C-alpha atoms as a PDB file:
ATOM      1  CA  MET A   1      -5.395 -15.012  42.981  1.00  0.00           C
ATOM      2  CA  GLU A   2      -7.315 -16.377  40.046  1.00  0.00           C
ATOM      3  CA  GLN A   3      -5.428 -18.991  38.095  1.00  0.00           C
ATOM      4  CA  ASP A   4      -4.717 -18.467  34.397  1.00  0.00           C
ATOM      5  CA  ARG A   5      -6.603 -20.918  32.220  1.00  0.00           C
ATOM      6  CA  ILE A   6      -4.935 -22.985  29.545  1.00  0.00           C
ATOM      7  CA  ASP A   7      -5.570 -24.348  26.056  1.00  0.00           C
ATOM      8  CA  ALA A   8      -6.069 -20.934  24.502  1.00  0.00           C
ATOM      9  CA  GLY A   9      -5.351 -19.744  21.005  1.00  0.00           C
ATOM     10  CA  PRO A  10      -3.509 -16.559  19.990  1.00  0.00           C
ATOM     11  CA  ALA A  11      -3.945 -13.588  22.356  1.00  0.00           C
ATOM     12  CA  GLY A  12      -5.881 -15.751  24.801  1.00  0.00           C
ATOM     13  CA  LEU A  13      -8.675 -16.460  22.350  1.00  0.00           C
ATOM     14  CA  ARG A  14     -10.785 -19.547  22.841  1.00  0.00           C
ATOM     15  CA  PRO A  15     -11.467 -21.680  19.753  1.00  0.00           C
ATOM     16  CA  GLY A  16     -14.631 -20.503  17.986  1.00  0.00           C
ATOM     17  CA  ALA A  17     -14.487 -17.044  19.594  1.00  0.00           C
ATOM     18  CA  ASP A  18     -14.480 -15.215  16.264  1.00  0.00           C
ATOM     19  CA  THR A  19     -18.154 -15.360  15.253  1.00  0.00           C
ATOM     20  CA  PRO A  20     -20.029 -12.010  15.161  1.00  0.00           C
ATOM     21  CA  ALA A  21     -21.885 -12.820  18.358  1.00  0.00           C
ATOM     22  CA  ALA A  22     -18.696 -13.931  20.098  1.00  0.00           C
ATOM     23  CA  LEU A  23     -16.818 -10.829  18.969  1.00  0.00           C
ATOM     24  CA  GLU A  24     -19.606  -8.643  20.342  1.00  0.00           C
ATOM     25  CA  THR A  25     -19.452 -10.459  23.677  1.00  0.00           C
ATOM     26  CA  ARG A  26     -15.677 -10.059  23.723  1.00  0.00           C
ATOM     27  CA  ARG A  27     -16.093  -6.338  23.081  1.00  0.00           C
ATOM     28  CA  ARG A  28     -18.521  -6.028  26.002  1.00  0.00           C
ATOM     29  CA  ILE A  29     -16.163  -7.953  28.289  1.00  0.00           C
ATOM     30  CA  VAL A  30     -13.211  -5.732  27.366  1.00  0.00           C
ATOM     31  CA  GLU A  31     -15.176  -2.486  27.750  1.00  0.00           C
ATOM     32  CA  THR A  32     -16.550  -3.631  31.096  1.00  0.00           C
ATOM     33  CA  ALA A  33     -13.104  -4.682  32.268  1.00  0.00           C
ATOM     34  CA  GLU A  34     -11.681  -1.278  31.321  1.00  0.00           C
ATOM     35  CA  ARG A  35     -14.410   0.505  33.268  1.00  0.00           C
ATOM     36  CA  LEU A  36     -13.854  -1.651  36.356  1.00  0.00           C
ATOM     37  CA  PHE A  37     -10.072  -1.285  36.068  1.00  0.00           C
ATOM     38  CA  ARG A  38     -10.523   2.494  36.114  1.00  0.00           C
ATOM     39  CA  GLN A  39     -12.939   2.300  39.035  1.00  0.00           C
ATOM     40  CA  PHE A  40     -11.209  -0.235  41.269  1.00  0.00           C
ATOM     41  CA  GLY A  41      -7.798  -0.911  39.707  1.00  0.00           C
ATOM     42  CA  TYR A  42      -6.930  -3.878  37.538  1.00  0.00           C
ATOM     43  CA  GLN A  43      -5.242  -5.785  40.375  1.00  0.00           C
ATOM     44  CA  LYS A  44      -8.371  -5.649  42.515  1.00  0.00           C
ATOM     45  CA  THR A  45     -10.740  -6.480  39.678  1.00  0.00           C
ATOM     46  CA  THR A  46     -11.397 -10.189  39.239  1.00  0.00           C
ATOM     47  CA  VAL A  47     -12.959 -12.147  36.413  1.00  0.00           C
ATOM     48  CA  ALA A  48     -15.877 -12.768  38.765  1.00  0.00           C
ATOM     49  CA  ASP A  49     -16.347  -8.999  39.106  1.00  0.00           C
ATOM     50  CA  ILE A  50     -16.382  -8.582  35.335  1.00  0.00           C
ATOM     51  CA  ALA A  51     -18.800 -11.476  34.933  1.00  0.00           C
ATOM     52  CA  ALA A  52     -21.152 -10.140  37.606  1.00  0.00           C
ATOM     53  CA  GLU A  53     -21.237  -6.721  35.947  1.00  0.00           C
ATOM     54  CA  LEU A  54     -22.316  -8.424  32.716  1.00  0.00           C
ATOM     55  CA  SER A  55     -24.767 -10.791  34.446  1.00  0.00           C
ATOM     56  CA  MET A  56     -22.619 -13.688  33.285  1.00  0.00           C
ATOM     57  CA  SER A  57     -20.879 -16.503  35.095  1.00  0.00           C
ATOM     58  CA  PRO A  58     -17.056 -16.513  35.316  1.00  0.00           C
ATOM     59  CA  ALA A  59     -17.137 -19.779  33.360  1.00  0.00           C
ATOM     60  CA  ASN A  60     -18.932 -17.988  30.543  1.00  0.00           C
ATOM     61  CA  VAL A  61     -16.270 -15.257  30.477  1.00  0.00           C
ATOM     62  CA  TYR A  62     -13.643 -17.965  30.201  1.00  0.00           C
ATOM     63  CA  ARG A  63     -15.378 -19.162  27.035  1.00  0.00           C
ATOM     64  CA  PHE A  64     -14.083 -15.991  25.383  1.00  0.00           C
ATOM     65  CA  PHE A  65     -10.831 -15.279  27.221  1.00  0.00           C
ATOM     66  CA  ALA A  66      -8.406 -17.853  28.515  1.00  0.00           C
ATOM     67  CA  SER A  67      -7.422 -15.836  31.589  1.00  0.00           C
ATOM     68  CA  LYS A  68      -7.691 -12.537  33.372  1.00  0.00           C
ATOM     69  CA  SER A  69      -4.288 -11.746  31.899  1.00  0.00           C
ATOM     70  CA  SER A  70      -5.677 -12.064  28.373  1.00  0.00           C
ATOM     71  CA  ILE A  71      -8.548  -9.716  29.274  1.00  0.00           C
ATOM     72  CA  THR A  72      -6.093  -7.205  30.684  1.00  0.00           C
ATOM     73  CA  GLU A  73      -3.985  -7.480  27.551  1.00  0.00           C
ATOM     74  CA  ALA A  74      -7.078  -6.781  25.437  1.00  0.00           C
ATOM     75  CA  VAL A  75      -7.783  -3.660  27.499  1.00  0.00           C
ATOM     76  CA  ALA A  76      -4.188  -2.509  26.989  1.00  0.00           C
ATOM     77  CA  ARG A  77      -4.568  -3.176  23.262  1.00  0.00           C
ATOM     78  CA  LEU A  78      -7.707  -1.009  23.233  1.00  0.00           C
ATOM     79  CA  LEU A  79      -5.874   1.893  24.879  1.00  0.00           C
ATOM     80  CA  THR A  80      -2.771   1.652  22.714  1.00  0.00           C
ATOM     81  CA  GLY A  81      -5.029   1.494  19.675  1.00  0.00           C
ATOM     82  CA  GLU A  82      -6.538   4.836  20.670  1.00  0.00           C
ATOM     83  CA  ILE A  83      -3.072   6.386  20.904  1.00  0.00           C
ATOM     84  CA  GLU A  84      -2.148   4.903  17.536  1.00  0.00           C
ATOM     85  CA  GLU A  85      -5.236   6.511  15.987  1.00  0.00           C
ATOM     86  CA  VAL A  86      -4.213   9.885  17.447  1.00  0.00           C
ATOM     87  CA  ALA A  87      -0.685   9.494  16.063  1.00  0.00           C
ATOM     88  CA  HIS A  88      -1.942   8.447  12.630  1.00  0.00           C
ATOM     89  CA  ALA A  89      -4.341  11.404  12.478  1.00  0.00           C
ATOM     90  CA  ALA A  90      -1.503  13.809  13.270  1.00  0.00           C
ATOM     91  CA  ALA A  91       0.789  12.156  10.718  1.00  0.00           C
ATOM     92  CA  THR A  92      -1.769  12.480   7.932  1.00  0.00           C
ATOM     93  CA  GLN A  93      -3.026  15.976   8.723  1.00  0.00           C
ATOM     94  CA  PRO A  94      -3.598  17.614   5.327  1.00  0.00           C
ATOM     95  CA  GLY A  95      -1.923  20.857   4.317  1.00  0.00           C
ATOM     96  CA  LEU A  96       1.044  20.513   6.676  1.00  0.00           C
ATOM     97  CA  SER A  97       4.698  19.904   5.939  1.00  0.00           C
ATOM     98  CA  ALA A  98       6.361  16.663   7.013  1.00  0.00           C
ATOM     99  CA  ARG A  99       8.191  18.592   9.720  1.00  0.00           C
ATOM    100  CA  GLU A 100       4.934  20.036  11.077  1.00  0.00           C
ATOM    101  CA  ARG A 101       3.277  16.648  11.010  1.00  0.00           C
ATOM    102  CA  LEU A 102       6.234  15.049  12.817  1.00  0.00           C
ATOM    103  CA  LEU A 103       5.895  17.658  15.539  1.00  0.00           C
ATOM    104  CA  GLY A 104       2.164  16.934  15.657  1.00  0.00           C
ATOM    105  CA  VAL A 105       2.742  13.185  16.074  1.00  0.00           C
ATOM    106  CA  ILE A 106       5.156  13.607  18.989  1.00  0.00           C
ATOM    107  CA  ARG A 107       2.980  16.190  20.726  1.00  0.00           C
ATOM    108  CA  ALA A 108      -0.268  14.274  20.207  1.00  0.00           C
ATOM    109  CA  THR A 109       1.268  10.986  21.360  1.00  0.00           C
ATOM    110  CA  TYR A 110       2.618  12.618  24.508  1.00  0.00           C
ATOM    111  CA  ARG A 111      -0.693  14.238  25.404  1.00  0.00           C
ATOM    112  CA  ALA A 112      -2.667  11.072  24.697  1.00  0.00           C
ATOM    113  CA  THR A 113      -0.297   9.018  26.857  1.00  0.00           C
ATOM    114  CA  VAL A 114      -0.558  11.463  29.755  1.00  0.00           C
ATOM    115  CA  GLN A 115      -4.343  11.566  29.470  1.00  0.00           C
ATOM    116  CA  ARG A 116      -4.858   7.803  29.346  1.00  0.00           C
ATOM    117  CA  TYR A 117      -2.119   6.507  31.616  1.00  0.00           C
ATOM    118  CA  ILE A 118      -0.561   9.143  33.855  1.00  0.00           C
ATOM    119  CA  LYS A 119      -3.642  11.052  35.013  1.00  0.00           C
ATOM    120  CA  ASP A 120      -5.421   7.772  35.752  1.00  0.00           C
ATOM    121  CA  GLN A 121      -3.264   6.079  38.373  1.00  0.00           C
ATOM    122  CA  ARG A 122      -5.276   2.858  38.351  1.00  0.00           C
ATOM    123  CA  MET A 123      -4.645   2.422  34.634  1.00  0.00           C
ATOM    124  CA  HIS A 124      -1.045   3.476  35.127  1.00  0.00           C
ATOM    125  CA  ALA A 125      -0.607   0.461  37.394  1.00  0.00           C
ATOM    126  CA  MET A 126      -1.767  -1.738  34.536  1.00  0.00           C
ATOM    127  CA  VAL A 127       0.828  -0.142  32.243  1.00  0.00           C
ATOM    128  CA  HIS A 128       3.533  -0.884  34.811  1.00  0.00           C
ATOM    129  CA  ALA A 129       2.519  -4.534  34.691  1.00  0.00           C
ATOM    130  CA  ALA A 130       2.404  -4.558  30.886  1.00  0.00           C
ATOM    131  CA  ILE A 131       5.959  -3.266  30.668  1.00  0.00           C
ATOM    132  CA  ASP A 132       7.231  -5.517  33.459  1.00  0.00           C
ATOM    133  CA  GLU A 133       5.653  -8.589  31.860  1.00  0.00           C
ATOM    134  CA  ASN A 134       6.764  -7.502  28.365  1.00  0.00           C
ATOM    135  CA  TRP A 135       3.341  -8.104  26.877  1.00  0.00           C
ATOM    136  CA  GLU A 136       3.231  -8.513  23.133  1.00  0.00           C
ATOM    137  CA  VAL A 137       0.811  -5.598  22.947  1.00  0.00           C
ATOM    138  CA  VAL A 138       3.623  -3.250  24.032  1.00  0.00           C
ATOM    139  CA  LYS A 139       5.877  -4.519  21.253  1.00  0.00           C
ATOM    140  CA  ALA A 140       3.069  -4.234  18.741  1.00  0.00           C
ATOM    141  CA  HIS A 141       2.308  -0.664  19.789  1.00  0.00           C
ATOM    142  CA  LYS A 142       5.930   0.380  19.339  1.00  0.00           C
ATOM    143  CA  ALA A 143       5.937  -1.242  15.902  1.00  0.00           C
ATOM    144  CA  VAL A 144       2.801   0.645  14.827  1.00  0.00           C
ATOM    145  CA  ILE A 145       4.238   4.002  15.928  1.00  0.00           C
ATOM    146  CA  LEU A 146       7.486   3.157  14.154  1.00  0.00           C
ATOM    147  CA  GLY A 147       5.529   2.434  10.988  1.00  0.00           C
ATOM    148  CA  ILE A 148       3.747   5.792  11.223  1.00  0.00           C
ATOM    149  CA  LEU A 149       7.047   7.629  11.649  1.00  0.00           C
ATOM    150  CA  THR A 150       8.652   5.682   8.808  1.00  0.00           C
ATOM    151  CA  GLU A 151       5.905   6.593   6.360  1.00  0.00           C
ATOM    152  CA  LEU A 152       5.994  10.220   7.440  1.00  0.00           C
ATOM    153  CA  ILE A 153       9.759  10.426   6.923  1.00  0.00           C
ATOM    154  CA  ARG A 154       9.473   8.642   3.589  1.00  0.00           C
ATOM    155  CA  GLU A 155       6.926  11.248   2.465  1.00  0.00           C
ATOM    156  CA  GLY A 156       9.228  14.024   3.679  1.00  0.00           C
ATOM    157  CA  ILE A 157      12.065  12.600   1.595  1.00  0.00           C
ATOM    158  CA  ALA A 158       9.842  12.329  -1.473  1.00  0.00           C
ATOM    159  CA  ALA A 159       8.762  15.958  -1.027  1.00  0.00           C
ATOM    160  CA  GLY A 160      12.366  17.120  -0.717  1.00  0.00           C
ATOM    161  CA  GLU A 161      11.913  18.243   2.891  1.00  0.00           C
ATOM    162  CA  PHE A 162      14.252  15.637   4.357  1.00  0.00           C
ATOM    163  CA  ARG A 163      17.533  14.302   3.053  1.00  0.00           C
ATOM    164  CA  VAL A 164      18.111  10.900   4.563  1.00  0.00           C
ATOM    165  CA  GLU A 165      20.780   8.493   3.454  1.00  0.00           C
ATOM    166  CA  GLY A 166      19.849   4.844   3.799  1.00  0.00           C
ATOM    167  CA  ASP A 167      16.670   3.220   5.058  1.00  0.00           C
ATOM    168  CA  PRO A 168      13.923   5.623   6.232  1.00  0.00           C
ATOM    169  CA  ALA A 169      12.907   2.979   8.788  1.00  0.00           C
ATOM    170  CA  VAL A 170      16.301   3.340  10.481  1.00  0.00           C
ATOM    171  CA  ALA A 171      15.880   7.109  10.578  1.00  0.00           C
ATOM    172  CA  ALA A 172      12.382   6.640  12.012  1.00  0.00           C
ATOM    173  CA  ARG A 173      13.762   4.341  14.688  1.00  0.00           C
ATOM    174  CA  CYS A 174      16.278   7.003  15.660  1.00  0.00           C
ATOM    175  CA  VAL A 175      13.513   9.602  15.911  1.00  0.00           C
ATOM    176  CA  GLN A 176      11.430   7.200  18.011  1.00  0.00           C
ATOM    177  CA  MET A 177      14.301   6.540  20.390  1.00  0.00           C
ATOM    178  CA  ALA A 178      15.213  10.233  20.619  1.00  0.00           C
ATOM    179  CA  ASN A 179      11.671  11.040  21.731  1.00  0.00           C
ATOM    180  CA  ILE A 180      11.152   8.056  24.026  1.00  0.00           C
ATOM    181  CA  ALA A 181      10.786  10.304  27.079  1.00  0.00           C
ATOM    182  CA  THR A 182       7.575  11.748  25.628  1.00  0.00           C
ATOM    183  CA  CYS A 183       5.903   8.411  24.859  1.00  0.00           C
ATOM    184  CA  HIS A 184       7.109   5.984  27.558  1.00  0.00           C
ATOM    185  CA  PRO A 185       4.628   6.084  30.474  1.00  0.00           C
ATOM    186  CA  LEU A 186       7.184   5.269  33.162  1.00  0.00           C
ATOM    187  CA  ILE A 187       9.666   7.892  31.959  1.00  0.00           C
ATOM    188  CA  ILE A 188       6.882  10.459  31.706  1.00  0.00           C
ATOM    189  CA  GLU A 189       5.827   9.621  35.266  1.00  0.00           C
ATOM    190  CA  HIS A 190       9.388  10.020  36.548  1.00  0.00           C
ATOM    191  CA  CYS A 191       9.874  13.365  34.789  1.00  0.00           C
ATOM    192  CA  LEU A 192       6.564  14.764  35.995  1.00  0.00           C
ATOM    193  CA  ARG A 193       7.397  13.779  39.561  1.00  0.00           C
ATOM    194  CA  ALA A 194      10.693  15.639  39.159  1.00  0.00           C
ATOM    195  CA  ASN A 195       8.747  18.682  37.913  1.00  0.00           C
ATOM    196  CA  GLU A 196      10.359  18.450  34.480  1.00  0.00           C
ATOM    197  CA  ASP A 197       8.310  20.043  31.721  1.00  0.00           C
ATOM    198  CA  LEU A 198       8.470  17.436  28.973  1.00  0.00           C
ATOM    199  CA  GLU A 199       6.001  19.226  26.746  1.00  0.00           C
ATOM    200  CA  GLU A 200       8.278  22.257  26.743  1.00  0.00           C
ATOM    201  CA  MET A 201      11.032  20.048  25.304  1.00  0.00           C
ATOM    202  CA  ILE A 202       8.998  18.658  22.409  1.00  0.00           C
ATOM    203  CA  ASP A 203       9.604  21.554  20.018  1.00  0.00           C
ATOM    204  CA  PRO A 204      13.415  21.625  20.481  1.00  0.00           C
ATOM    205  CA  MET A 205      13.620  17.816  20.366  1.00  0.00           C
ATOM    206  CA  VAL A 206      11.708  17.648  17.089  1.00  0.00           C
ATOM    207  CA  ALA A 207      13.827  20.493  15.687  1.00  0.00           C
ATOM    208  CA  PHE A 208      16.919  18.510  16.673  1.00  0.00           C
ATOM    209  CA  CYS A 209      15.569  15.404  14.964  1.00  0.00           C
ATOM    210  CA  CYS A 210      14.690  17.346  11.833  1.00  0.00           C
ATOM    211  CA  ARG A 211      18.256  18.614  11.595  1.00  0.00           C
ATOM    212  CA  GLY A 212      19.361  14.979  11.816  1.00  0.00           C
ATOM    213  CA  LEU A 213      16.955  14.204   8.999  1.00  0.00           C
ATOM    214  CA  GLY A 214      18.595  16.893   6.868  1.00  0.00           C
ATOM    215  CA  ALA A 215      15.558  19.151   6.927  1.00  0.00           C
ATOM    216  CA  GLN A 216      15.668  21.851   4.292  1.00  0.00           C
ATOM    217  CA  GLY A 217      14.786  25.434   5.164  1.00  0.00           C
END
């Protein structure tokens, strides 16, 4: 197994790895790593494999990432960022009520998670590792989704659609926890293996949450 390197900055960054040229090289490394992870699995893919695909030496890759773990974390950050974009787009869909947009966020997040993690078993293995190792990217992703839900609920309160006593962020956290089965890859995997139709439960779960939010009408 390749040894993790040391003396790295935040998120495995090497000092001086933030110039335009370095950022472009980092992007190429991450995109190549994602492709190889999907093709061979992240456990079987080595830094040497990534370097060879880019016609680079492993030592050159280590100029930009401190370890394979930091590359893997960057790939996970790329994927969670895509899901966050989907959630944000649903939350800001024009012409819809807060309730409709909340339903859209939960449904879109579920479908994006299934598409990126569950249907691709090699990437699903990487998600298992991310959760087991409690990577910071997982925490950050949860925080971003919480922020999206908080803003949506705050807008619903301002529009008179929701009646929430106290901090909207607390209400958003409750909604996030109530719908965890539709956004947590391991729970989704378990339910699908048990032939449970999670998507069928999204509408009633969101309706339940909206009642808890004091939805009017």
